[in-house]
Protein backbone atom coordinates (compact mmCIF):
# COMPACT_ATOMS: atom_id res chain seq x y z
CA THR A 1 61.40 103.09 58.72
CA MET A 2 64.47 102.97 56.54
CA VAL A 3 67.06 100.21 56.55
CA GLY A 4 69.46 100.58 59.52
CA GLU A 5 67.16 103.03 61.32
CA ARG A 6 65.72 102.18 64.73
CA PRO A 7 61.98 102.14 65.16
CA PRO A 8 60.68 104.69 67.66
CA SER A 9 59.97 103.33 71.15
CA ALA A 10 56.45 103.00 72.44
CA GLY A 11 56.94 105.85 74.88
CA GLY A 12 58.05 108.36 72.24
CA GLY A 13 61.62 109.66 72.64
CA GLN A 14 64.71 108.42 70.82
CA GLY A 15 64.51 104.72 71.68
CA ARG A 16 66.99 104.98 74.56
CA ALA A 17 66.47 104.97 78.28
CA PRO A 18 67.55 108.19 80.01
CA ALA A 19 71.08 108.03 81.40
CA ALA A 20 69.92 109.15 84.85
CA SER A 21 67.82 106.01 85.35
CA ALA A 22 70.82 103.75 84.65
CA GLU A 23 72.93 105.65 87.21
CA ALA A 24 70.12 105.62 89.78
CA ALA A 25 69.99 101.82 89.69
CA GLY A 26 73.43 101.59 91.35
CA PRO A 27 75.48 98.43 91.81
CA PRO A 28 73.65 95.10 91.87
CA LEU A 29 72.61 93.93 95.31
CA LYS A 30 74.44 91.00 96.89
CA THR A 31 72.55 87.80 97.39
CA PRO A 32 72.19 86.43 100.93
CA ARG A 33 74.59 83.63 99.97
CA GLU A 34 77.31 86.10 98.89
CA THR A 35 76.85 88.10 102.09
CA ALA A 36 77.08 84.96 104.25
CA ASP A 37 80.18 83.75 102.38
CA GLN A 38 81.87 87.11 102.90
CA GLU A 39 81.04 87.07 106.64
CA VAL A 40 82.43 83.54 107.02
CA MET A 41 85.68 84.49 105.25
CA GLN A 42 86.09 87.53 107.50
CA ALA A 43 85.55 85.38 110.59
CA LEU A 44 88.10 82.80 109.39
CA LEU A 45 90.76 85.39 108.53
CA ALA A 46 90.34 87.56 111.66
CA PRO A 47 92.61 85.44 113.93
CA GLN A 48 95.43 85.63 111.36
CA ALA A 49 95.47 89.43 111.38
CA ALA A 50 98.36 91.25 113.04
CA PRO A 51 97.66 92.60 116.55
CA LYS A 52 97.91 96.17 115.30
CA ASP A 53 95.13 95.42 112.78
CA LYS A 54 92.90 93.79 115.41
CA TYR A 55 93.30 96.26 118.30
CA GLN A 56 93.51 100.04 118.55
CA GLU A 57 95.84 99.96 121.58
CA PRO A 58 98.51 97.45 122.71
CA MET A 59 96.92 94.62 124.71
CA THR A 60 100.06 93.26 126.42
CA SER A 61 103.40 94.59 127.59
CA ALA A 62 105.05 92.82 124.65
CA HIS A 63 102.82 94.85 122.33
CA ASP A 64 103.95 98.06 124.10
CA ILE A 65 107.57 97.49 123.12
CA GLY A 66 107.13 97.23 119.37
CA TRP A 67 103.73 98.80 118.75
CA ASN A 68 105.06 101.84 116.81
CA LEU A 69 108.32 100.44 115.39
CA THR A 70 107.04 99.53 111.92
CA ALA A 71 108.79 102.53 110.34
CA LEU A 72 112.20 101.40 111.64
CA TRP A 73 111.94 97.70 110.83
CA PRO A 74 112.61 97.49 107.08
CA SER A 75 115.54 99.90 106.91
CA ARG A 76 117.37 99.17 110.15
CA TRP A 77 117.22 95.38 110.46
CA SER A 78 116.94 94.26 106.87
CA TYR A 79 119.75 91.91 105.82
CA PRO A 80 119.08 90.59 102.32
CA ARG A 81 120.43 87.17 101.44
CA ASN A 82 123.53 87.37 99.30
CA THR A 83 125.10 84.51 97.35
CA CYS A 84 128.59 84.16 96.00
CA ASP A 85 129.50 83.66 92.33
CA VAL A 86 130.33 79.97 92.88
CA CYS A 87 126.87 79.28 94.37
CA ASP A 88 125.15 81.13 91.51
CA TYR A 89 127.15 79.13 88.97
CA ALA A 90 126.30 75.83 90.71
CA GLN A 91 122.58 76.62 90.73
CA ILE A 92 122.56 77.52 87.02
CA TYR A 93 124.64 74.44 86.16
CA GLN A 94 122.29 72.16 88.11
CA ARG A 95 119.19 73.65 86.42
CA SER A 96 120.64 73.23 82.94
CA ASN A 97 122.42 69.86 83.28
CA GLY A 98 120.29 68.08 85.88
CA ARG A 99 123.16 67.48 88.33
CA SER A 100 125.51 69.43 90.57
CA PRO A 101 128.91 70.35 89.13
CA PHE A 102 130.37 68.79 92.28
CA ALA A 103 128.53 65.46 91.92
CA ASN A 104 130.06 62.18 90.76
CA LYS A 105 129.90 62.17 86.96
CA ASP A 106 128.65 58.56 86.97
CA ALA A 107 125.59 59.50 89.09
CA PRO A 108 122.20 59.33 87.31
CA ILE A 109 120.72 62.62 86.05
CA THR A 110 117.78 63.84 88.10
CA THR A 111 114.99 66.04 86.81
CA ALA A 112 113.63 68.38 89.43
C-alpha cells in the first residue's frame, strides 16, 4: 500500500462497514438502572402534575368550573407588576452604592 492509503479489509470491500448496518443498530439500549431511575422520577413527579395532566375528565365539581378556561386565563386576568420611576431609581442606586438613597448617610454600607 502507498502512504496515506488504507489497507483493504479482510472481507474485501472498501474498508468501511455498510451504512445500512449502522442504521439497523438503532439507539443504544437503556440499562436496567437507567430504566429504574426514570420510573422513580416519574413516580415522584406525578403528584405535582396539574389535575388536567393527570385526569382525562374533571374529578370534582371544582374541576368542572375551570377545566376548559386555560385559553382565557393569560389574557383576561393578567396584571403585570408595574413600578414607578422613583422605585426603579432607588433599586439601581442601592445596587450601585450599597445603600438606599433614603437611608441615613452615616449607616454602614451593606453588600447584598
